[in-house]
Amino acid sequence: MRIIGGKHRGAKLYTLEGLDTRPTLDRVKEPLFSILQFDLPDATVLDLFAGSGALGLEAISRGAKKAFLCDKSSKANHIIEQNVEKLREKSKVEIINKDYLDSLELLKKQKIKFDIIFLDPPYQTDFAEKTAEKIVQYGLLQKDGRIIIETDRKKEVVCQIEKLDLFEIYDERKYGRAELIFLKYK
């Protein structure tokens, strides 16, 4: 896995061994960051199910001012720390070693609002829908902010998001099993 654009382009990232995480593939990251390229400069970014931290670090490489990388796995957080150190971006990254709901609660208490939120939860869970609801409840997304969900359950996720009646789905992309859903406030 590597950084594909920006000032750290080509830098190889450490990844987790085993099947506990599912990194976002370059063939998904490239078009994702092309779509977001004008939203990234000076953005505050949340990568909630961070794994290796690749999405948040890609955002930093492309001009985001701050990235919050959250994962409940201590192994994942160790890999994130190694990647942050390798890129020398410690001042722009905050690592949170908590469950996704606890992470959102902490960010609410810190009164942080995000321009871009990446949600790449484990497949076959309802974490994306629960998270979108909490993001609204806690006021974590800027008015003109974006949420990007990576899932393999697009129909279920879209159905639940539509029930919230708060977001507009402004783009959808499919890359093999992975599907991206782009949300913004209505």
N, C-alpha and C. Protein backbone atom coordinates (compact mmCIF):
# COMPACT_ATOMS: atom_id res chain seq x y z
N MET A 1 0.84 -1.17 0.00
CA MET A 1 0.00 0.00 0.00
C MET A 1 0.89 1.24 0.00
N ARG A 2 0.44 2.26 -0.71
CA ARG A 2 1.26 3.47 -0.83
C ARG A 2 0.38 4.71 -0.89
N ILE A 3 1.01 5.87 -0.70
CA ILE A 3 0.36 7.15 -0.92
C ILE A 3 0.39 7.39 -2.42
N ILE A 4 -0.76 7.74 -3.01
CA ILE A 4 -0.81 7.82 -4.48
C ILE A 4 -0.76 9.25 -5.02
N GLY A 5 -0.85 10.27 -4.15
CA GLY A 5 -0.79 11.63 -4.65
C GLY A 5 -0.31 12.61 -3.59
N GLY A 6 -0.01 13.82 -4.02
CA GLY A 6 0.39 14.86 -3.10
C GLY A 6 1.87 14.81 -2.75
N LYS A 7 2.22 15.49 -1.66
CA LYS A 7 3.63 15.64 -1.31
C LYS A 7 4.31 14.35 -0.89
N HIS A 8 3.55 13.34 -0.47
CA HIS A 8 4.14 12.06 -0.07
C HIS A 8 3.93 10.97 -1.14
N ARG A 9 3.58 11.39 -2.32
CA ARG A 9 3.30 10.45 -3.42
C ARG A 9 4.39 9.39 -3.53
N GLY A 10 3.96 8.13 -3.60
CA GLY A 10 4.88 7.02 -3.76
C GLY A 10 5.38 6.41 -2.45
N ALA A 11 5.15 7.10 -1.33
CA ALA A 11 5.61 6.56 -0.04
C ALA A 11 4.85 5.28 0.29
N LYS A 12 5.60 4.25 0.64
CA LYS A 12 4.98 2.97 1.00
C LYS A 12 4.56 3.02 2.46
N LEU A 13 3.37 2.50 2.73
CA LEU A 13 2.83 2.47 4.08
C LEU A 13 2.93 1.07 4.67
N TYR A 14 3.09 1.03 5.97
CA TYR A 14 3.02 -0.25 6.67
C TYR A 14 1.55 -0.66 6.72
N THR A 15 1.31 -1.96 6.67
CA THR A 15 -0.06 -2.47 6.74
C THR A 15 -0.15 -3.56 7.78
N LEU A 16 -1.37 -3.87 8.17
CA LEU A 16 -1.61 -4.92 9.14
C LEU A 16 -1.56 -6.29 8.46
N GLU A 17 -0.97 -7.22 9.14
CA GLU A 17 -0.94 -8.60 8.65
C GLU A 17 -2.27 -9.25 8.96
N GLY A 18 -2.66 -10.22 8.16
CA GLY A 18 -3.86 -10.99 8.45
C GLY A 18 -5.10 -10.45 7.78
N LEU A 19 -6.24 -11.01 8.17
CA LEU A 19 -7.51 -10.69 7.52
C LEU A 19 -8.42 -9.82 8.37
N ASP A 20 -7.88 -9.25 9.47
CA ASP A 20 -8.72 -8.43 10.35
C ASP A 20 -9.10 -7.10 9.74
N THR A 21 -8.30 -6.60 8.82
CA THR A 21 -8.61 -5.34 8.16
C THR A 21 -8.67 -5.55 6.65
N ARG A 22 -9.31 -4.60 5.99
CA ARG A 22 -9.48 -4.65 4.55
C ARG A 22 -9.08 -3.29 4.01
N PRO A 23 -7.81 -3.14 3.60
CA PRO A 23 -7.38 -1.82 3.14
C PRO A 23 -8.10 -1.39 1.86
N THR A 24 -8.32 -0.10 1.74
CA THR A 24 -8.90 0.46 0.53
C THR A 24 -7.86 0.37 -0.58
N LEU A 25 -8.22 -0.28 -1.65
CA LEU A 25 -7.28 -0.52 -2.74
C LEU A 25 -6.98 0.76 -3.52
N ASP A 26 -5.79 0.80 -4.14
CA ASP A 26 -5.40 1.96 -4.94
C ASP A 26 -6.42 2.25 -6.04
N ARG A 27 -7.00 1.21 -6.62
CA ARG A 27 -7.98 1.42 -7.70
C ARG A 27 -9.27 2.06 -7.19
N VAL A 28 -9.45 2.07 -5.88
CA VAL A 28 -10.58 2.78 -5.26
C VAL A 28 -10.12 4.16 -4.78
N LYS A 29 -8.92 4.21 -4.19
CA LYS A 29 -8.41 5.48 -3.65
C LYS A 29 -8.20 6.53 -4.73
N GLU A 30 -7.68 6.11 -5.87
CA GLU A 30 -7.37 7.09 -6.92
C GLU A 30 -8.60 7.88 -7.36
N PRO A 31 -9.68 7.23 -7.77
CA PRO A 31 -10.86 8.01 -8.16
C PRO A 31 -11.52 8.73 -6.97
N LEU A 32 -11.47 8.13 -5.79
CA LEU A 32 -12.02 8.77 -4.59
C LEU A 32 -11.35 10.12 -4.36
N PHE A 33 -10.03 10.14 -4.40
CA PHE A 33 -9.33 11.39 -4.13
C PHE A 33 -9.36 12.36 -5.32
N SER A 34 -9.61 11.86 -6.51
CA SER A 34 -9.84 12.76 -7.64
C SER A 34 -11.14 13.53 -7.44
N ILE A 35 -12.16 12.83 -6.96
CA ILE A 35 -13.46 13.48 -6.69
C ILE A 35 -13.32 14.52 -5.59
N LEU A 36 -12.49 14.23 -4.57
CA LEU A 36 -12.36 15.12 -3.40
C LEU A 36 -11.25 16.16 -3.52
N GLN A 37 -10.53 16.18 -4.63
CA GLN A 37 -9.32 16.99 -4.71
C GLN A 37 -9.51 18.46 -4.34
N PHE A 38 -10.64 19.04 -4.66
CA PHE A 38 -10.85 20.47 -4.37
C PHE A 38 -11.38 20.70 -2.96
N ASP A 39 -11.80 19.64 -2.29
CA ASP A 39 -12.28 19.74 -0.91
C ASP A 39 -11.18 19.52 0.12
N LEU A 40 -10.03 19.01 -0.30
CA LEU A 40 -8.99 18.61 0.64
C LEU A 40 -8.11 19.73 1.19
N PRO A 41 -7.72 20.73 0.41
CA PRO A 41 -6.83 21.74 0.98
C PRO A 41 -7.43 22.39 2.24
N ASP A 42 -6.64 22.35 3.31
CA ASP A 42 -7.00 22.92 4.62
C ASP A 42 -8.18 22.23 5.30
N ALA A 43 -8.55 21.05 4.86
CA ALA A 43 -9.68 20.32 5.45
C ALA A 43 -9.28 19.64 6.76
N THR A 44 -10.26 19.48 7.62
CA THR A 44 -10.13 18.64 8.81
C THR A 44 -10.85 17.34 8.49
N VAL A 45 -10.13 16.23 8.62
CA VAL A 45 -10.59 14.93 8.12
C VAL A 45 -10.69 13.92 9.26
N LEU A 46 -11.72 13.09 9.20
CA LEU A 46 -11.88 11.98 10.13
C LEU A 46 -11.85 10.68 9.33
N ASP A 47 -10.96 9.78 9.72
CA ASP A 47 -10.90 8.43 9.16
C ASP A 47 -11.27 7.51 10.32
N LEU A 48 -12.56 7.14 10.39
CA LEU A 48 -13.08 6.53 11.61
C LEU A 48 -12.68 5.07 11.80
N PHE A 49 -12.69 4.28 10.78
CA PHE A 49 -12.25 2.89 10.89
C PHE A 49 -10.92 2.82 10.14
N ALA A 50 -9.89 3.39 10.74
CA ALA A 50 -8.68 3.78 10.02
C ALA A 50 -7.78 2.64 9.54
N GLY A 51 -7.74 1.52 10.23
CA GLY A 51 -6.84 0.43 9.82
C GLY A 51 -5.40 0.90 9.84
N SER A 52 -4.78 1.06 8.68
CA SER A 52 -3.40 1.55 8.59
C SER A 52 -3.32 3.07 8.57
N GLY A 53 -4.48 3.73 8.45
CA GLY A 53 -4.50 5.19 8.38
C GLY A 53 -4.34 5.72 6.96
N ALA A 54 -4.41 4.84 5.97
CA ALA A 54 -4.10 5.22 4.59
C ALA A 54 -4.99 6.34 4.05
N LEU A 55 -6.29 6.32 4.34
CA LEU A 55 -7.16 7.37 3.78
C LEU A 55 -6.86 8.73 4.41
N GLY A 56 -6.72 8.77 5.71
CA GLY A 56 -6.40 10.03 6.38
C GLY A 56 -5.03 10.56 5.97
N LEU A 57 -4.07 9.66 5.84
CA LEU A 57 -2.72 10.09 5.45
C LEU A 57 -2.67 10.52 3.99
N GLU A 58 -3.47 9.90 3.15
CA GLU A 58 -3.59 10.35 1.76
C GLU A 58 -4.14 11.78 1.73
N ALA A 59 -5.14 12.05 2.58
CA ALA A 59 -5.72 13.40 2.67
C ALA A 59 -4.67 14.41 3.12
N ILE A 60 -3.87 14.05 4.11
CA ILE A 60 -2.79 14.93 4.59
C ILE A 60 -1.80 15.19 3.45
N SER A 61 -1.43 14.15 2.74
CA SER A 61 -0.49 14.30 1.63
C SER A 61 -1.02 15.27 0.58
N ARG A 62 -2.34 15.33 0.44
CA ARG A 62 -2.96 16.18 -0.58
C ARG A 62 -3.44 17.53 -0.03
N GLY A 63 -3.00 17.89 1.17
CA GLY A 63 -3.25 19.24 1.65
C GLY A 63 -4.19 19.42 2.82
N ALA A 64 -4.76 18.34 3.35
CA ALA A 64 -5.61 18.49 4.54
C ALA A 64 -4.76 19.02 5.69
N LYS A 65 -5.36 19.86 6.54
CA LYS A 65 -4.57 20.45 7.63
C LYS A 65 -4.51 19.55 8.85
N LYS A 66 -5.51 18.69 9.05
CA LYS A 66 -5.54 17.83 10.24
C LYS A 66 -6.33 16.57 9.92
N ALA A 67 -5.83 15.43 10.42
CA ALA A 67 -6.55 14.16 10.26
C ALA A 67 -6.64 13.46 11.61
N PHE A 68 -7.82 13.00 11.92
CA PHE A 68 -8.07 12.20 13.11
C PHE A 68 -8.26 10.76 12.63
N LEU A 69 -7.38 9.88 13.10
CA LEU A 69 -7.39 8.49 12.67
C LEU A 69 -7.81 7.63 13.86
N CYS A 70 -8.96 6.98 13.73
CA CYS A 70 -9.54 6.24 14.84
C CYS A 70 -9.66 4.76 14.50
N ASP A 71 -9.20 3.93 15.41
CA ASP A 71 -9.38 2.49 15.27
C ASP A 71 -9.30 1.88 16.66
N LYS A 72 -10.16 0.89 16.92
CA LYS A 72 -10.16 0.27 18.24
C LYS A 72 -9.02 -0.72 18.44
N SER A 73 -8.41 -1.18 17.36
CA SER A 73 -7.34 -2.17 17.43
C SER A 73 -6.02 -1.52 17.83
N SER A 74 -5.40 -2.03 18.87
CA SER A 74 -4.10 -1.49 19.27
C SER A 74 -3.04 -1.83 18.22
N LYS A 75 -3.21 -2.97 17.52
CA LYS A 75 -2.28 -3.31 16.43
C LYS A 75 -2.40 -2.30 15.29
N ALA A 76 -3.63 -1.94 14.95
CA ALA A 76 -3.85 -0.94 13.90
C ALA A 76 -3.23 0.39 14.31
N ASN A 77 -3.43 0.78 15.54
CA ASN A 77 -2.89 2.06 15.99
C ASN A 77 -1.37 2.08 16.00
N HIS A 78 -0.76 0.94 16.27
CA HIS A 78 0.70 0.85 16.20
C HIS A 78 1.18 1.06 14.75
N ILE A 79 0.46 0.45 13.80
CA ILE A 79 0.79 0.63 12.38
C ILE A 79 0.58 2.09 11.97
N ILE A 80 -0.52 2.69 12.42
CA ILE A 80 -0.78 4.11 12.12
C ILE A 80 0.37 4.97 12.63
N GLU A 81 0.79 4.73 13.87
CA GLU A 81 1.90 5.49 14.45
C GLU A 81 3.16 5.37 13.60
N GLN A 82 3.45 4.14 13.14
CA GLN A 82 4.62 3.93 12.28
C GLN A 82 4.49 4.72 10.97
N ASN A 83 3.29 4.71 10.38
CA ASN A 83 3.08 5.43 9.12
C ASN A 83 3.18 6.94 9.31
N VAL A 84 2.63 7.45 10.39
CA VAL A 84 2.70 8.88 10.68
C VAL A 84 4.16 9.30 10.88
N GLU A 85 4.90 8.48 11.63
CA GLU A 85 6.31 8.78 11.87
C GLU A 85 7.11 8.73 10.56
N LYS A 86 6.83 7.74 9.74
CA LYS A 86 7.52 7.60 8.46
C LYS A 86 7.31 8.83 7.58
N LEU A 87 6.08 9.37 7.58
CA LEU A 87 5.77 10.54 6.75
C LEU A 87 6.13 11.86 7.44
N ARG A 88 6.51 11.79 8.72
CA ARG A 88 6.85 12.98 9.53
C ARG A 88 5.69 13.97 9.57
N GLU A 89 4.51 13.45 9.89
CA GLU A 89 3.30 14.28 9.92
C GLU A 89 2.63 14.27 11.30
N LYS A 90 3.41 14.06 12.35
CA LYS A 90 2.86 13.94 13.70
C LYS A 90 2.04 15.17 14.12
N SER A 91 2.44 16.35 13.68
CA SER A 91 1.73 17.57 14.08
C SER A 91 0.36 17.69 13.42
N LYS A 92 0.13 16.93 12.34
CA LYS A 92 -1.14 17.03 11.61
C LYS A 92 -2.08 15.86 11.86
N VAL A 93 -1.66 14.90 12.70
CA VAL A 93 -2.45 13.69 12.89
C VAL A 93 -2.71 13.45 14.37
N GLU A 94 -3.95 13.12 14.68
CA GLU A 94 -4.31 12.68 16.02
C GLU A 94 -4.83 11.25 15.91
N ILE A 95 -4.24 10.37 16.70
CA ILE A 95 -4.62 8.95 16.68
C ILE A 95 -5.49 8.67 17.90
N ILE A 96 -6.63 8.05 17.66
CA ILE A 96 -7.54 7.71 18.76
C ILE A 96 -7.74 6.20 18.77
N ASN A 97 -7.33 5.57 19.88
CA ASN A 97 -7.43 4.12 20.03
C ASN A 97 -8.70 3.78 20.83
N LYS A 98 -9.84 3.91 20.15
CA LYS A 98 -11.13 3.63 20.78
C LYS A 98 -12.09 3.03 19.76
N ASP A 99 -13.10 2.39 20.26
CA ASP A 99 -14.23 1.93 19.47
C ASP A 99 -14.85 3.13 18.75
N TYR A 100 -15.52 2.90 17.63
CA TYR A 100 -16.03 4.01 16.82
C TYR A 100 -17.03 4.88 17.58
N LEU A 101 -17.89 4.29 18.39
CA LEU A 101 -18.86 5.10 19.14
C LEU A 101 -18.17 5.93 20.22
N ASP A 102 -17.18 5.34 20.90
CA ASP A 102 -16.41 6.09 21.90
C ASP A 102 -15.59 7.20 21.24
N SER A 103 -15.07 6.92 20.06
CA SER A 103 -14.31 7.95 19.32
C SER A 103 -15.21 9.14 18.99
N LEU A 104 -16.42 8.85 18.50
CA LEU A 104 -17.36 9.93 18.16
C LEU A 104 -17.74 10.74 19.39
N GLU A 105 -17.94 10.06 20.51
CA GLU A 105 -18.26 10.74 21.77
C GLU A 105 -17.12 11.67 22.19
N LEU A 106 -15.88 11.19 22.09
CA LEU A 106 -14.71 12.00 22.41
C LEU A 106 -14.61 13.23 21.51
N LEU A 107 -14.82 13.04 20.20
CA LEU A 107 -14.74 14.15 19.25
C LEU A 107 -15.84 15.17 19.50
N LYS A 108 -17.01 14.70 19.93
CA LYS A 108 -18.11 15.61 20.30
C LYS A 108 -17.68 16.49 21.48
N LYS A 109 -17.07 15.86 22.48
CA LYS A 109 -16.62 16.60 23.66
C LYS A 109 -15.56 17.63 23.29
N GLN A 110 -14.74 17.31 22.29
CA GLN A 110 -13.69 18.23 21.84
C GLN A 110 -14.23 19.31 20.90
N LYS A 111 -15.51 19.19 20.54
CA LYS A 111 -16.20 20.16 19.68
C LYS A 111 -15.51 20.33 18.32
N ILE A 112 -15.13 19.22 17.73
CA ILE A 112 -14.46 19.24 16.44
C ILE A 112 -15.50 19.03 15.34
N LYS A 113 -15.39 19.83 14.29
CA LYS A 113 -16.26 19.68 13.13
C LYS A 113 -15.38 19.31 11.93
N PHE A 114 -15.86 18.35 11.16
CA PHE A 114 -15.07 17.81 10.07
C PHE A 114 -15.59 18.28 8.72
N ASP A 115 -14.63 18.46 7.80
CA ASP A 115 -14.96 18.78 6.42
C ASP A 115 -15.20 17.50 5.62
N ILE A 116 -14.43 16.45 5.94
CA ILE A 116 -14.54 15.17 5.25
C ILE A 116 -14.46 14.05 6.29
N ILE A 117 -15.40 13.11 6.19
CA ILE A 117 -15.40 11.95 7.07
C ILE A 117 -15.39 10.69 6.21
N PHE A 118 -14.39 9.85 6.44
CA PHE A 118 -14.30 8.56 5.76
C PHE A 118 -14.83 7.48 6.69
N LEU A 119 -15.80 6.71 6.21
CA LEU A 119 -16.34 5.58 6.96
C LEU A 119 -16.10 4.32 6.15
N ASP A 120 -15.20 3.51 6.62
CA ASP A 120 -14.90 2.24 5.96
C ASP A 120 -14.97 1.14 7.01
N PRO A 121 -16.19 0.91 7.54
CA PRO A 121 -16.34 -0.08 8.62
C PRO A 121 -16.21 -1.50 8.10
N PRO A 122 -16.05 -2.44 9.01
CA PRO A 122 -16.04 -3.85 8.56
C PRO A 122 -17.29 -4.14 7.74
N TYR A 123 -17.09 -4.87 6.65
CA TYR A 123 -18.24 -5.25 5.82
C TYR A 123 -19.20 -6.12 6.64
N GLN A 124 -20.43 -6.16 6.21
CA GLN A 124 -21.50 -6.94 6.84
C GLN A 124 -21.85 -6.45 8.24
N THR A 125 -21.66 -5.14 8.48
CA THR A 125 -22.09 -4.54 9.75
C THR A 125 -23.01 -3.36 9.43
N ASP A 126 -23.72 -2.88 10.43
CA ASP A 126 -24.54 -1.69 10.26
C ASP A 126 -23.86 -0.45 10.85
N PHE A 127 -22.54 -0.51 11.00
CA PHE A 127 -21.79 0.58 11.62
C PHE A 127 -21.89 1.88 10.83
N ALA A 128 -21.94 1.82 9.51
CA ALA A 128 -22.00 3.04 8.70
C ALA A 128 -23.27 3.82 9.00
N GLU A 129 -24.39 3.13 9.04
CA GLU A 129 -25.67 3.79 9.31
C GLU A 129 -25.70 4.37 10.72
N LYS A 130 -25.24 3.60 11.70
CA LYS A 130 -25.20 4.07 13.09
C LYS A 130 -24.30 5.29 13.21
N THR A 131 -23.17 5.23 12.51
CA THR A 131 -22.21 6.33 12.57
C THR A 131 -22.78 7.60 11.95
N ALA A 132 -23.43 7.49 10.81
CA ALA A 132 -24.03 8.67 10.16
C ALA A 132 -25.02 9.34 11.09
N GLU A 133 -25.80 8.54 11.78
CA GLU A 133 -26.79 9.08 12.72
C GLU A 133 -26.10 9.82 13.88
N LYS A 134 -25.03 9.24 14.41
CA LYS A 134 -24.30 9.87 15.52
C LYS A 134 -23.59 11.15 15.05
N ILE A 135 -23.08 11.15 13.83
CA ILE A 135 -22.41 12.34 13.30
C ILE A 135 -23.37 13.52 13.31
N VAL A 136 -24.61 13.27 12.90
CA VAL A 136 -25.63 14.32 12.90
C VAL A 136 -25.98 14.70 14.34
N GLN A 137 -26.25 13.71 15.15
CA GLN A 137 -26.64 13.95 16.54
C GLN A 137 -25.59 14.77 17.29
N TYR A 138 -24.31 14.48 17.04
CA TYR A 138 -23.22 15.16 17.74
C TYR A 138 -22.74 16.43 17.04
N GLY A 139 -23.27 16.73 15.86
CA GLY A 139 -22.87 17.93 15.14
C GLY A 139 -21.41 17.90 14.70
N LEU A 140 -20.93 16.76 14.20
CA LEU A 140 -19.52 16.61 13.85
C LEU A 140 -19.17 17.00 12.42
N LEU A 141 -20.17 17.20 11.57
CA LEU A 141 -19.91 17.51 10.16
C LEU A 141 -20.22 18.98 9.88
N GLN A 142 -19.27 19.64 9.21
CA GLN A 142 -19.50 21.02 8.78
C GLN A 142 -20.72 21.07 7.87
N LYS A 143 -21.34 22.24 7.76
CA LYS A 143 -22.53 22.40 6.89
C LYS A 143 -22.28 21.93 5.47
N ASP A 144 -21.11 22.25 4.94
CA ASP A 144 -20.78 21.86 3.56
C ASP A 144 -19.84 20.65 3.52
N GLY A 145 -19.81 19.89 4.62
CA GLY A 145 -18.94 18.73 4.73
C GLY A 145 -19.41 17.54 3.91
N ARG A 146 -18.55 16.56 3.81
CA ARG A 146 -18.81 15.36 3.02
C ARG A 146 -18.55 14.11 3.87
N ILE A 147 -19.37 13.08 3.66
CA ILE A 147 -19.14 11.77 4.25
C ILE A 147 -18.99 10.79 3.09
N ILE A 148 -17.96 9.97 3.16
CA ILE A 148 -17.76 8.94 2.14
C ILE A 148 -17.79 7.60 2.84
N ILE A 149 -18.72 6.75 2.42
CA ILE A 149 -18.88 5.42 3.00
C ILE A 149 -18.40 4.38 2.00
N GLU A 150 -17.53 3.49 2.46
CA GLU A 150 -17.16 2.33 1.65
C GLU A 150 -17.90 1.13 2.23
N THR A 151 -18.60 0.39 1.37
CA THR A 151 -19.42 -0.71 1.84
C THR A 151 -19.55 -1.78 0.77
N ASP A 152 -20.03 -2.93 1.19
CA ASP A 152 -20.43 -3.96 0.23
C ASP A 152 -21.94 -4.22 0.36
N ARG A 153 -22.63 -3.34 1.10
CA ARG A 153 -24.08 -3.46 1.34
C ARG A 153 -24.78 -2.17 0.93
N LYS A 154 -24.55 -1.72 -0.26
CA LYS A 154 -25.05 -0.42 -0.71
C LYS A 154 -26.55 -0.25 -0.51
N LYS A 155 -27.34 -1.23 -0.92
CA LYS A 155 -28.80 -1.09 -0.82
C LYS A 155 -29.24 -0.84 0.62
N GLU A 156 -28.71 -1.63 1.56
CA GLU A 156 -29.09 -1.48 2.97
C GLU A 156 -28.64 -0.13 3.52
N VAL A 157 -27.41 0.25 3.20
CA VAL A 157 -26.87 1.52 3.70
C VAL A 157 -27.68 2.69 3.14
N VAL A 158 -27.94 2.68 1.84
CA VAL A 158 -28.70 3.76 1.21
C VAL A 158 -30.10 3.84 1.81
N CYS A 159 -30.73 2.71 2.02
CA CYS A 159 -32.07 2.68 2.61
C CYS A 159 -32.07 3.34 3.99
N GLN A 160 -31.11 3.01 4.83
CA GLN A 160 -31.02 3.58 6.17
C GLN A 160 -30.68 5.08 6.13
N ILE A 161 -29.79 5.46 5.23
CA ILE A 161 -29.41 6.87 5.10
C ILE A 161 -30.63 7.68 4.65
N GLU A 162 -31.39 7.14 3.71
CA GLU A 162 -32.60 7.84 3.23
C GLU A 162 -33.62 8.00 4.34
N LYS A 163 -33.71 7.04 5.25
CA LYS A 163 -34.64 7.13 6.39
C LYS A 163 -34.27 8.30 7.32
N LEU A 164 -32.97 8.58 7.41
CA LEU A 164 -32.54 9.71 8.24
C LEU A 164 -33.06 11.03 7.67
N ASP A 165 -33.23 11.08 6.35
CA ASP A 165 -33.75 12.26 5.64
C ASP A 165 -32.95 13.54 5.93
N LEU A 166 -31.64 13.37 6.06
CA LEU A 166 -30.77 14.51 6.33
C LEU A 166 -29.71 14.70 5.26
N PHE A 167 -29.42 13.61 4.56
CA PHE A 167 -28.33 13.63 3.60
C PHE A 167 -28.82 13.45 2.18
N GLU A 168 -28.07 14.04 1.28
CA GLU A 168 -28.25 13.83 -0.16
C GLU A 168 -27.10 12.94 -0.61
N ILE A 169 -27.43 11.89 -1.35
CA ILE A 169 -26.39 11.06 -1.94
C ILE A 169 -26.03 11.73 -3.27
N TYR A 170 -24.84 12.32 -3.33
CA TYR A 170 -24.49 13.09 -4.53
C TYR A 170 -23.60 12.33 -5.50
N ASP A 171 -23.13 11.16 -5.10
CA ASP A 171 -22.35 10.34 -6.03
C ASP A 171 -22.29 8.92 -5.48
N GLU A 172 -22.17 7.96 -6.38
CA GLU A 172 -22.00 6.56 -6.01
C GLU A 172 -21.05 5.94 -7.03
N ARG A 173 -20.15 5.09 -6.54
CA ARG A 173 -19.19 4.43 -7.42
C ARG A 173 -19.05 2.98 -6.98
N LYS A 174 -18.78 2.10 -7.94
CA LYS A 174 -18.58 0.69 -7.64
C LYS A 174 -17.24 0.24 -8.22
N TYR A 175 -16.46 -0.44 -7.39
CA TYR A 175 -15.15 -0.96 -7.78
C TYR A 175 -15.07 -2.39 -7.27
N GLY A 176 -15.50 -3.33 -8.09
CA GLY A 176 -15.54 -4.72 -7.64
C GLY A 176 -16.55 -4.85 -6.51
N ARG A 177 -16.14 -5.43 -5.43
CA ARG A 177 -17.02 -5.60 -4.26
C ARG A 177 -17.26 -4.28 -3.51
N ALA A 178 -16.29 -3.40 -3.56
CA ALA A 178 -16.37 -2.13 -2.83
C ALA A 178 -17.27 -1.12 -3.55
N GLU A 179 -18.14 -0.51 -2.78
CA GLU A 179 -18.99 0.56 -3.30
C GLU A 179 -18.80 1.80 -2.44
N LEU A 180 -18.66 2.95 -3.10
CA LEU A 180 -18.53 4.21 -2.39
C LEU A 180 -19.82 4.99 -2.50
N ILE A 181 -20.26 5.54 -1.36
CA ILE A 181 -21.45 6.37 -1.31
C ILE A 181 -21.01 7.73 -0.77
N PHE A 182 -21.27 8.80 -1.51
CA PHE A 182 -20.87 10.15 -1.15
C PHE A 182 -22.09 10.91 -0.63
N LEU A 183 -21.99 11.42 0.58
CA LEU A 183 -23.10 12.12 1.21
C LEU A 183 -22.73 13.57 1.53
N LYS A 184 -23.75 14.42 1.48
CA LYS A 184 -23.65 15.78 2.01
C LYS A 184 -25.02 16.13 2.58
N TYR A 185 -25.06 17.14 3.42
CA TYR A 185 -26.35 17.57 3.96
C TYR A 185 -27.26 18.05 2.85
N LYS A 186 -28.57 17.83 3.02
CA LYS A 186 -29.56 18.32 2.06
C LYS A 186 -29.62 19.82 2.13
